[in-house]
């Protein structure tokens, strides 16, 4: 199962609060709708999970919603976040230690 770093949990809570989804919302990671994008996965702020999503709880009540494919692909990874030089949050994935 995907793990969520404490920093990513804080970022998720901040993003969901800014979007007006504090409490029940989270971020949703799913397979890209456009196969031509080559991105594989998409991440978006969501007000609730979609039926069939796996819900991963992080620290501080943060939540990540994963579609079936994302749940399978991200099993042995940790969702983390870093702030870029531009101040924008960049979610990253890394191996579990």
PDB file of N, CA and C in Angstrom:
ATOM      1  N   UNK A   1       0.840  -1.173   0.000  1.00  0.00           N
ATOM      2  CA  UNK A   1       0.000   0.000   0.000  1.00  0.00           C
ATOM      3  C   UNK A   1       0.895   1.249   0.000  1.00  0.00           C
ATOM      4  N   UNK A   2       0.472   2.254  -0.701  1.00  0.00           N
ATOM      5  CA  UNK A   2       1.172   3.535  -0.759  1.00  0.00           C
ATOM      6  C   UNK A   2       1.294   4.127   0.643  1.00  0.00           C
ATOM      7  N   UNK A   3       2.462   4.652   0.974  1.00  0.00           N
ATOM      8  CA  UNK A   3       2.661   5.402   2.211  1.00  0.00           C
ATOM      9  C   UNK A   3       2.662   6.885   1.865  1.00  0.00           C
ATOM     10  N   UNK A   4       2.328   7.722   2.854  1.00  0.00           N
ATOM     11  CA  UNK A   4       2.289   9.168   2.670  1.00  0.00           C
ATOM     12  C   UNK A   4       3.229   9.782   3.691  1.00  0.00           C
ATOM     13  N   UNK A   5       4.202  10.567   3.226  1.00  0.00           N
ATOM     14  CA  UNK A   5       5.143  11.210   4.144  1.00  0.00           C
ATOM     15  C   UNK A   5       4.399  12.279   4.957  1.00  0.00           C
ATOM     16  N   UNK A   6       4.927  12.620   6.129  1.00  0.00           N
ATOM     17  CA  UNK A   6       4.304  13.695   6.917  1.00  0.00           C
ATOM     18  C   UNK A   6       4.220  15.015   6.148  1.00  0.00           C
ATOM     19  N   UNK A   7       5.249  15.328   5.356  1.00  0.00           N
ATOM     20  CA  UNK A   7       5.239  16.568   4.569  1.00  0.00           C
ATOM     21  C   UNK A   7       4.137  16.530   3.506  1.00  0.00           C
ATOM     22  N   UNK A   8       3.967  15.376   2.868  1.00  0.00           N
ATOM     23  CA  UNK A   8       2.903  15.243   1.867  1.00  0.00           C
ATOM     24  C   UNK A   8       1.539  15.353   2.543  1.00  0.00           C
ATOM     25  N   UNK A   9       1.404  14.788   3.743  1.00  0.00           N
ATOM     26  CA  UNK A   9       0.136  14.895   4.475  1.00  0.00           C
ATOM     27  C   UNK A   9      -0.216  16.350   4.735  1.00  0.00           C
ATOM     28  N   UNK A  10       0.754  17.134   5.166  1.00  0.00           N
ATOM     29  CA  UNK A  10       0.516  18.563   5.403  1.00  0.00           C
ATOM     30  C   UNK A  10       0.109  19.269   4.117  1.00  0.00           C
ATOM     31  N   UNK A  11       0.801  18.955   3.030  1.00  0.00           N
ATOM     32  CA  UNK A  11       0.489  19.584   1.744  1.00  0.00           C
ATOM     33  C   UNK A  11      -0.909  19.199   1.271  1.00  0.00           C
ATOM     34  N   UNK A  12      -1.273  17.947   1.425  1.00  0.00           N
ATOM     35  CA  UNK A  12      -2.608  17.490   1.018  1.00  0.00           C
ATOM     36  C   UNK A  12      -3.673  18.226   1.811  1.00  0.00           C
ATOM     37  N   UNK A  13      -3.481  18.327   3.128  1.00  0.00           N
ATOM     38  CA  UNK A  13      -4.457  19.041   3.953  1.00  0.00           C
ATOM     39  C   UNK A  13      -4.563  20.505   3.557  1.00  0.00           C
ATOM     40  N   UNK A  14      -3.443  21.117   3.242  1.00  0.00           N
ATOM     41  CA  UNK A  14      -3.454  22.513   2.822  1.00  0.00           C
ATOM     42  C   UNK A  14      -4.198  22.679   1.496  1.00  0.00           C
ATOM     43  N   UNK A  15      -3.904  21.825   0.540  1.00  0.00           N
ATOM     44  CA  UNK A  15      -4.557  21.912  -0.772  1.00  0.00           C
ATOM     45  C   UNK A  15      -6.059  21.656  -0.675  1.00  0.00           C
ATOM     46  N   UNK A  16      -6.463  20.655   0.113  1.00  0.00           N
ATOM     47  CA  UNK A  16      -7.898  20.357   0.224  1.00  0.00           C
ATOM     48  C   UNK A  16      -8.632  21.480   0.957  1.00  0.00           C
ATOM     49  N   UNK A  17      -7.974  22.089   1.944  1.00  0.00           N
ATOM     50  CA  UNK A  17      -8.599  23.217   2.641  1.00  0.00           C
ATOM     51  C   UNK A  17      -8.770  24.408   1.699  1.00  0.00           C
ATOM     52  N   UNK A  18      -7.734  24.698   0.894  1.00  0.00           N
ATOM     53  CA  UNK A  18      -7.812  25.802  -0.062  1.00  0.00           C
ATOM     54  C   UNK A  18      -8.928  25.592  -1.077  1.00  0.00           C
ATOM     55  N   UNK A  19      -9.185  24.307  -1.411  1.00  0.00           N
ATOM     56  CA  UNK A  19     -10.226  23.992  -2.389  1.00  0.00           C
ATOM     57  C   UNK A  19     -11.604  23.873  -1.747  1.00  0.00           C
ATOM     58  N   UNK A  20     -11.672  24.052  -0.424  1.00  0.00           N
ATOM     59  CA  UNK A  20     -12.955  23.963   0.264  1.00  0.00           C
ATOM     60  C   UNK A  20     -13.397  22.537   0.543  1.00  0.00           C
ATOM     61  N   UNK A  21     -12.459  21.588   0.539  1.00  0.00           N
ATOM     62  CA  UNK A  21     -12.792  20.178   0.744  1.00  0.00           C
ATOM     63  C   UNK A  21     -12.193  19.614   2.024  1.00  0.00           C
ATOM     64  N   UNK A  22     -11.873  20.458   2.980  1.00  0.00           N
ATOM     65  CA  UNK A  22     -11.266  19.981   4.222  1.00  0.00           C
ATOM     66  C   UNK A  22     -12.175  18.947   4.884  1.00  0.00           C
ATOM     67  N   UNK A  23     -11.576  17.948   5.473  1.00  0.00           N
ATOM     68  CA  UNK A  23     -12.329  16.914   6.177  1.00  0.00           C
ATOM     69  C   UNK A  23     -12.593  15.685   5.336  1.00  0.00           C
ATOM     70  N   UNK A  24     -13.375  15.807   4.280  1.00  0.00           N
ATOM     71  CA  UNK A  24     -13.735  14.647   3.465  1.00  0.00           C
ATOM     72  C   UNK A  24     -12.912  14.532   2.195  1.00  0.00           C
ATOM     73  N   UNK A  25     -12.278  15.616   1.787  1.00  0.00           N
ATOM     74  CA  UNK A  25     -11.542  15.621   0.529  1.00  0.00           C
ATOM     75  C   UNK A  25     -10.152  15.035   0.660  1.00  0.00           C
ATOM     76  N   UNK A  26      -9.444  15.055  -0.440  1.00  0.00           N
ATOM     77  CA  UNK A  26      -8.081  14.556  -0.491  1.00  0.00           C
ATOM     78  C   UNK A  26      -7.529  14.789  -1.880  1.00  0.00           C
ATOM     79  N   UNK A  27      -6.503  14.056  -2.213  1.00  0.00           N
ATOM     80  CA  UNK A  27      -6.034  14.086  -3.597  1.00  0.00           C
ATOM     81  C   UNK A  27      -6.327  12.729  -4.205  1.00  0.00           C
ATOM     82  N   UNK A  28      -6.572  12.732  -5.500  1.00  0.00           N
ATOM     83  CA  UNK A  28      -6.873  11.499  -6.223  1.00  0.00           C
ATOM     84  C   UNK A  28      -5.773  11.262  -7.238  1.00  0.00           C
ATOM     85  N   UNK A  29      -5.230  10.049  -7.195  1.00  0.00           N
ATOM     86  CA  UNK A  29      -4.231   9.637  -8.178  1.00  0.00           C
ATOM     87  C   UNK A  29      -4.883   8.556  -9.019  1.00  0.00           C
ATOM     88  N   UNK A  30      -4.867   8.765 -10.325  1.00  0.00           N
ATOM     89  CA  UNK A  30      -5.518   7.817 -11.228  1.00  0.00           C
ATOM     90  C   UNK A  30      -4.711   7.679 -12.505  1.00  0.00           C
ATOM     91  N   UNK A  31      -5.077   6.670 -13.293  1.00  0.00           N
ATOM     92  CA  UNK A  31      -4.421   6.507 -14.574  1.00  0.00           C
ATOM     93  C   UNK A  31      -4.883   7.624 -15.496  1.00  0.00           C
ATOM     94  N   UNK A  32      -3.973   8.077 -16.316  1.00  0.00           N
ATOM     95  CA  UNK A  32      -4.267   9.188 -17.219  1.00  0.00           C
ATOM     96  C   UNK A  32      -5.379   8.810 -18.187  1.00  0.00           C
ATOM     97  N   UNK A  33      -6.303   9.737 -18.404  1.00  0.00           N
ATOM     98  CA  UNK A  33      -7.393   9.516 -19.350  1.00  0.00           C
ATOM     99  C   UNK A  33      -6.901   9.566 -20.788  1.00  0.00           C
ATOM    100  N   UNK A  34      -5.829  10.301 -21.017  1.00  0.00           N
ATOM    101  CA  UNK A  34      -5.265  10.473 -22.355  1.00  0.00           C
ATOM    102  C   UNK A  34      -4.026   9.613 -22.508  1.00  0.00           C
ATOM    103  N   UNK A  35      -4.115   8.477 -23.165  1.00  0.00           N
ATOM    104  CA  UNK A  35      -2.929   7.652 -23.327  1.00  0.00           C
ATOM    105  C   UNK A  35      -1.787   8.359 -24.036  1.00  0.00           C
ATOM    106  N   UNK A  36      -2.096   9.367 -24.825  1.00  0.00           N
ATOM    107  CA  UNK A  36      -1.055  10.052 -25.595  1.00  0.00           C
ATOM    108  C   UNK A  36      -0.211  10.994 -24.735  1.00  0.00           C
ATOM    109  N   UNK A  37      -0.614  11.238 -23.475  1.00  0.00           N
ATOM    110  CA  UNK A  37       0.138  12.169 -22.644  1.00  0.00           C
ATOM    111  C   UNK A  37       1.424  11.556 -22.115  1.00  0.00           C
ATOM    112  N   UNK A  38       1.530  10.234 -22.107  1.00  0.00           N
ATOM    113  CA  UNK A  38       2.698   9.517 -21.604  1.00  0.00           C
ATOM    114  C   UNK A  38       2.973   9.785 -20.128  1.00  0.00           C
ATOM    115  N   UNK A  39       2.066  10.418 -19.428  1.00  0.00           N
ATOM    116  CA  UNK A  39       2.300  10.709 -18.020  1.00  0.00           C
ATOM    117  C   UNK A  39       1.979   9.509 -17.139  1.00  0.00           C
ATOM    118  N   UNK A  40       1.116   8.648 -17.595  1.00  0.00           N
ATOM    119  CA  UNK A  40       0.779   7.457 -16.831  1.00  0.00           C
ATOM    120  C   UNK A  40      -0.209   7.717 -15.728  1.00  0.00           C
ATOM    121  N   UNK A  41       0.095   8.640 -14.820  1.00  0.00           N
ATOM    122  CA  UNK A  41      -0.773   8.928 -13.689  1.00  0.00           C
ATOM    123  C   UNK A  41      -1.091  10.414 -13.628  1.00  0.00           C
ATOM    124  N   UNK A  42      -2.276  10.722 -13.121  1.00  0.00           N
ATOM    125  CA  UNK A  42      -2.656  12.109 -12.893  1.00  0.00           C
ATOM    126  C   UNK A  42      -2.975  12.296 -11.415  1.00  0.00           C
ATOM    127  N   UNK A  43      -2.772  13.498 -10.926  1.00  0.00           N
ATOM    128  CA  UNK A  43      -3.048  13.840  -9.537  1.00  0.00           C
ATOM    129  C   UNK A  43      -3.912  15.086  -9.532  1.00  0.00           C
ATOM    130  N   UNK A  44      -4.986  15.053  -8.744  1.00  0.00           N
ATOM    131  CA  UNK A  44      -5.868  16.210  -8.650  1.00  0.00           C
ATOM    132  C   UNK A  44      -6.480  16.276  -7.263  1.00  0.00           C
ATOM    133  N   UNK A  45      -6.874  17.462  -6.830  1.00  0.00           N
ATOM    134  CA  UNK A  45      -7.599  17.626  -5.575  1.00  0.00           C
ATOM    135  C   UNK A  45      -9.026  17.147  -5.826  1.00  0.00           C
ATOM    136  N   UNK A  46      -9.538  16.366  -4.885  1.00  0.00           N
ATOM    137  CA  UNK A  46     -10.888  15.802  -5.043  1.00  0.00           C
ATOM    138  C   UNK A  46     -11.703  16.026  -3.774  1.00  0.00           C
ATOM    139  N   UNK A  47     -13.004  16.238  -3.958  1.00  0.00           N
ATOM    140  CA  UNK A  47     -13.861  16.442  -2.795  1.00  0.00           C
ATOM    141  C   UNK A  47     -14.248  15.132  -2.126  1.00  0.00           C
ATOM    142  N   UNK A  48     -14.099  14.016  -2.861  1.00  0.00           N
ATOM    143  CA  UNK A  48     -14.429  12.697  -2.314  1.00  0.00           C
ATOM    144  C   UNK A  48     -13.874  11.624  -3.257  1.00  0.00           C
ATOM    145  N   UNK A  49     -13.762  10.391  -2.763  1.00  0.00           N
ATOM    146  CA  UNK A  49     -13.303   9.321  -3.652  1.00  0.00           C
ATOM    147  C   UNK A  49     -14.391   8.946  -4.653  1.00  0.00           C
ATOM    148  N   UNK A  50     -13.964   8.328  -5.734  1.00  0.00           N
ATOM    149  CA  UNK A  50     -14.893   7.772  -6.716  1.00  0.00           C
ATOM    150  C   UNK A  50     -15.149   6.325  -6.327  1.00  0.00           C
ATOM    151  N   UNK A  51     -16.339   5.834  -6.587  1.00  0.00           N
ATOM    152  CA  UNK A  51     -16.687   4.454  -6.256  1.00  0.00           C
ATOM    153  C   UNK A  51     -15.609   3.505  -6.769  1.00  0.00           C
ATOM    154  N   UNK A  52     -15.081   2.675  -5.893  1.00  0.00           N
ATOM    155  CA  UNK A  52     -14.043   1.723  -6.258  1.00  0.00           C
ATOM    156  C   UNK A  52     -12.638   2.184  -5.919  1.00  0.00           C
ATOM    157  N   UNK A  53     -12.475   3.452  -5.556  1.00  0.00           N
ATOM    158  CA  UNK A  53     -11.153   3.948  -5.186  1.00  0.00           C
ATOM    159  C   UNK A  53     -10.689   3.304  -3.888  1.00  0.00           C
ATOM    160  N   UNK A  54      -9.387   3.062  -3.791  1.00  0.00           N
ATOM    161  CA  UNK A  54      -8.775   2.680  -2.526  1.00  0.00           C
ATOM    162  C   UNK A  54      -8.463   3.981  -1.797  1.00  0.00           C
ATOM    163  N   UNK A  55      -8.760   4.029  -0.506  1.00  0.00           N
ATOM    164  CA  UNK A  55      -8.508   5.235   0.281  1.00  0.00           C
ATOM    165  C   UNK A  55      -7.330   4.959   1.203  1.00  0.00           C
ATOM    166  N   UNK A  56      -6.294   5.794   1.080  1.00  0.00           N
ATOM    167  CA  UNK A  56      -5.112   5.679   1.921  1.00  0.00           C
ATOM    168  C   UNK A  56      -5.117   6.871   2.865  1.00  0.00           C
ATOM    169  N   UNK A  57      -5.074   6.583   4.164  1.00  0.00           N
ATOM    170  CA  UNK A  57      -5.069   7.641   5.174  1.00  0.00           C
ATOM    171  C   UNK A  57      -3.638   7.967   5.560  1.00  0.00           C
ATOM    172  N   UNK A  58      -3.345   9.243   5.622  1.00  0.00           N
ATOM    173  CA  UNK A  58      -2.028   9.701   6.049  1.00  0.00           C
ATOM    174  C   UNK A  58      -2.129  10.382   7.397  1.00  0.00           C
ATOM    175  N   UNK A  59      -1.021  10.917   7.845  1.00  0.00           N
ATOM    176  CA  UNK A  59      -0.993  11.653   9.103  1.00  0.00           C
ATOM    177  C   UNK A  59      -1.900  12.877   9.012  1.00  0.00           C
ATOM    178  N   UNK A  60      -2.336  13.337  10.152  1.00  0.00           N
ATOM    179  CA  UNK A  60      -3.119  14.574  10.236  1.00  0.00           C
ATOM    180  C   UNK A  60      -4.455  14.488   9.502  1.00  0.00           C
ATOM    181  N   UNK A  61      -4.939  13.272   9.217  1.00  0.00           N
ATOM    182  CA  UNK A  61      -6.226  13.099   8.556  1.00  0.00           C
ATOM    183  C   UNK A  61      -6.204  13.266   7.053  1.00  0.00           C
ATOM    184  N   UNK A  62      -5.021  13.365   6.461  1.00  0.00           N
ATOM    185  CA  UNK A  62      -4.959  13.509   4.999  1.00  0.00           C
ATOM    186  C   UNK A  62      -5.429  12.223   4.342  1.00  0.00           C
ATOM    187  N   UNK A  63      -5.945  12.360   3.128  1.00  0.00           N
ATOM    188  CA  UNK A  63      -6.441  11.189   2.404  1.00  0.00           C
ATOM    189  C   UNK A  63      -6.001  11.240   0.942  1.00  0.00           C
ATOM    190  N   UNK A  64      -5.642  10.053   0.437  1.00  0.00           N
ATOM    191  CA  UNK A  64      -5.307   9.890  -0.970  1.00  0.00           C
ATOM    192  C   UNK A  64      -6.243   8.830  -1.523  1.00  0.00           C
ATOM    193  N   UNK A  65      -6.870   9.138  -2.655  1.00  0.00           N
ATOM    194  CA  UNK A  65      -7.775   8.215  -3.324  1.00  0.00           C
ATOM    195  C   UNK A  65      -7.064   7.648  -4.548  1.00  0.00           C
ATOM    196  N   UNK A  66      -7.045   6.324  -4.673  1.00  0.00           N
ATOM    197  CA  UNK A  66      -6.325   5.669  -5.767  1.00  0.00           C
ATOM    198  C   UNK A  66      -7.274   4.810  -6.588  1.00  0.00           C
ATOM    199  N   UNK A  67      -7.233   4.957  -7.917  1.00  0.00           N
ATOM    200  CA  UNK A  67      -7.991   4.013  -8.736  1.00  0.00           C
ATOM    201  C   UNK A  67      -7.259   2.671  -8.702  1.00  0.00           C
ATOM    202  N   UNK A  68      -7.863   1.627  -9.262  1.00  0.00           N
ATOM    203  CA  UNK A  68      -7.290   0.273  -9.182  1.00  0.00           C
ATOM    204  C   UNK A  68      -5.862   0.203  -9.710  1.00  0.00           C
ATOM    205  N   UNK A  69      -5.625   0.795 -10.859  1.00  0.00           N
ATOM    206  CA  UNK A  69      -4.296   0.726 -11.467  1.00  0.00           C
ATOM    207  C   UNK A  69      -3.273   1.476 -10.620  1.00  0.00           C
ATOM    208  N   UNK A  70      -3.613   2.669 -10.179  1.00  0.00           N
ATOM    209  CA  UNK A  70      -2.692   3.444  -9.350  1.00  0.00           C
ATOM    210  C   UNK A  70      -2.388   2.710  -8.047  1.00  0.00           C
ATOM    211  N   UNK A  71      -3.394   2.109  -7.441  1.00  0.00           N
ATOM    212  CA  UNK A  71      -3.178   1.366  -6.196  1.00  0.00           C
ATOM    213  C   UNK A  71      -2.178   0.240  -6.411  1.00  0.00           C
ATOM    214  N   UNK A  72      -2.285  -0.426  -7.531  1.00  0.00           N
ATOM    215  CA  UNK A  72      -1.370  -1.536  -7.842  1.00  0.00           C
ATOM    216  C   UNK A  72       0.045  -1.024  -8.132  1.00  0.00           C
ATOM    217  N   UNK A  73       0.163   0.012  -8.926  1.00  0.00           N
ATOM    218  CA  UNK A  73       1.460   0.543  -9.340  1.00  0.00           C
ATOM    219  C   UNK A  73       2.217   1.185  -8.171  1.00  0.00           C
ATOM    220  N   UNK A  74       1.511   1.791  -7.249  1.00  0.00           N
ATOM    221  CA  UNK A  74       2.136   2.564  -6.176  1.00  0.00           C
ATOM    222  C   UNK A  74       2.314   1.794  -4.873  1.00  0.00           C
ATOM    223  N   UNK A  75       2.068   0.512  -4.893  1.00  0.00           N
ATOM    224  CA  UNK A  75       2.077  -0.310  -3.678  1.00  0.00           C
ATOM    225  C   UNK A  75       3.328  -0.136  -2.829  1.00  0.00           C
ATOM    226  N   UNK A  76       4.503  -0.159  -3.402  1.00  0.00           N
ATOM    227  CA  UNK A  76       5.749  -0.132  -2.639  1.00  0.00           C
ATOM    228  C   UNK A  76       6.427   1.234  -2.634  1.00  0.00           C
ATOM    229  N   UNK A  77       5.632   2.299  -2.769  1.00  0.00           N
ATOM    230  CA  UNK A  77       6.199   3.642  -2.863  1.00  0.00           C
ATOM    231  C   UNK A  77       5.683   4.554  -1.748  1.00  0.00           C
ATOM    232  N   UNK A  78       6.366   5.675  -1.597  1.00  0.00           N
ATOM    233  CA  UNK A  78       5.983   6.709  -0.640  1.00  0.00           C
ATOM    234  C   UNK A  78       5.678   7.983  -1.422  1.00  0.00           C
ATOM    235  N   UNK A  79       4.538   8.590  -1.152  1.00  0.00           N
ATOM    236  CA  UNK A  79       4.199   9.886  -1.727  1.00  0.00           C
ATOM    237  C   UNK A  79       4.851  10.951  -0.868  1.00  0.00           C
ATOM    238  N   UNK A  80       5.641  11.792  -1.487  1.00  0.00           N
ATOM    239  CA  UNK A  80       6.342  12.858  -0.773  1.00  0.00           C
ATOM    240  C   UNK A  80       6.076  14.162  -1.509  1.00  0.00           C
ATOM    241  N   UNK A  81       6.569  15.253  -0.988  1.00  0.00           N
ATOM    242  CA  UNK A  81       6.372  16.552  -1.625  1.00  0.00           C
ATOM    243  C   UNK A  81       7.606  17.405  -1.374  1.00  0.00           C
ATOM    244  N   UNK A  82       7.872  18.278  -2.312  1.00  0.00           N
ATOM    245  CA  UNK A  82       8.935  19.261  -2.135  1.00  0.00           C
ATOM    246  C   UNK A  82       8.441  20.558  -2.757  1.00  0.00           C
ATOM    247  N   UNK A  83       8.989  21.632  -2.275  1.00  0.00           N
ATOM    248  CA  UNK A  83       8.633  22.939  -2.806  1.00  0.00           C
ATOM    249  C   UNK A  83       9.720  23.352  -3.783  1.00  0.00           C
ATOM    250  N   UNK A  84       9.326  23.697  -4.984  1.00  0.00           N
ATOM    251  CA  UNK A  84      10.278  24.116  -6.007  1.00  0.00           C
ATOM    252  C   UNK A  84      10.764  25.532  -5.761  1.00  0.00           C
ATOM    253  N   UNK A  85      11.766  25.943  -6.512  1.00  0.00           N
ATOM    254  CA  UNK A  85      12.296  27.306  -6.420  1.00  0.00           C
ATOM    255  C   UNK A  85      11.213  28.348  -6.695  1.00  0.00           C
ATOM    256  N   UNK A  86      10.183  27.914  -7.437  1.00  0.00           N
ATOM    257  CA  UNK A  86       9.081  28.807  -7.776  1.00  0.00           C
ATOM    258  C   UNK A  86       8.006  28.837  -6.689  1.00  0.00           C
ATOM    259  N   UNK A  87       8.205  28.063  -5.599  1.00  0.00           N
ATOM    260  CA  UNK A  87       7.236  28.014  -4.507  1.00  0.00           C
ATOM    261  C   UNK A  87       6.087  27.064  -4.743  1.00  0.00           C
ATOM    262  N   UNK A  88       6.080  26.417  -5.895  1.00  0.00           N
ATOM    263  CA  UNK A  88       5.022  25.466  -6.223  1.00  0.00           C
ATOM    264  C   UNK A  88       5.355  24.116  -5.620  1.00  0.00           C
ATOM    265  N   UNK A  89       4.331  23.445  -5.064  1.00  0.00           N
ATOM    266  CA  UNK A  89       4.520  22.111  -4.507  1.00  0.00           C
ATOM    267  C   UNK A  89       4.636  21.086  -5.626  1.00  0.00           C
ATOM    268  N   UNK A  90       5.586  20.180  -5.479  1.00  0.00           N
ATOM    269  CA  UNK A  90       5.788  19.111  -6.454  1.00  0.00           C
ATOM    270  C   UNK A  90       5.715  17.781  -5.715  1.00  0.00           C
ATOM    271  N   UNK A  91       4.671  17.010  -6.001  1.00  0.00           N
ATOM    272  CA  UNK A  91       4.561  15.697  -5.389  1.00  0.00           C
ATOM    273  C   UNK A  91       5.509  14.748  -6.103  1.00  0.00           C
ATOM    274  N   UNK A  92       6.169  13.907  -5.328  1.00  0.00           N
ATOM    275  CA  UNK A  92       7.108  12.938  -5.865  1.00  0.00           C
ATOM    276  C   UNK A  92       6.816  11.569  -5.274  1.00  0.00           C
ATOM    277  N   UNK A  93       7.355  10.560  -5.926  1.00  0.00           N
ATOM    278  CA  UNK A  93       7.254   9.192  -5.427  1.00  0.00           C
ATOM    279  C   UNK A  93       8.660   8.660  -5.207  1.00  0.00           C
ATOM    280  N   UNK A  94       8.838   7.950  -4.120  1.00  0.00           N
ATOM    281  CA  UNK A  94      10.138   7.333  -3.846  1.00  0.00           C
ATOM    282  C   UNK A  94       9.905   5.955  -3.259  1.00  0.00           C
ATOM    283  N   UNK A  95      10.949   5.136  -3.304  1.00  0.00           N
ATOM    284  CA  UNK A  95      10.868   3.799  -2.728  1.00  0.00           C
ATOM    285  C   UNK A  95      10.773   3.882  -1.222  1.00  0.00           C
ATOM    286  N   UNK A  96      10.101   2.898  -0.633  1.00  0.00           N
ATOM    287  CA  UNK A  96      10.066   2.803   0.831  1.00  0.00           C
ATOM    288  C   UNK A  96      11.440   2.421   1.332  1.00  0.00           C
ATOM    289  N   UNK A  97      11.818   2.962   2.462  1.00  0.00           N
ATOM    290  CA  UNK A  97      13.126   2.663   3.040  1.00  0.00           C
ATOM    291  C   UNK A  97      13.101   1.342   3.762  1.00  0.00           C
TER     292      UNK A  97
END
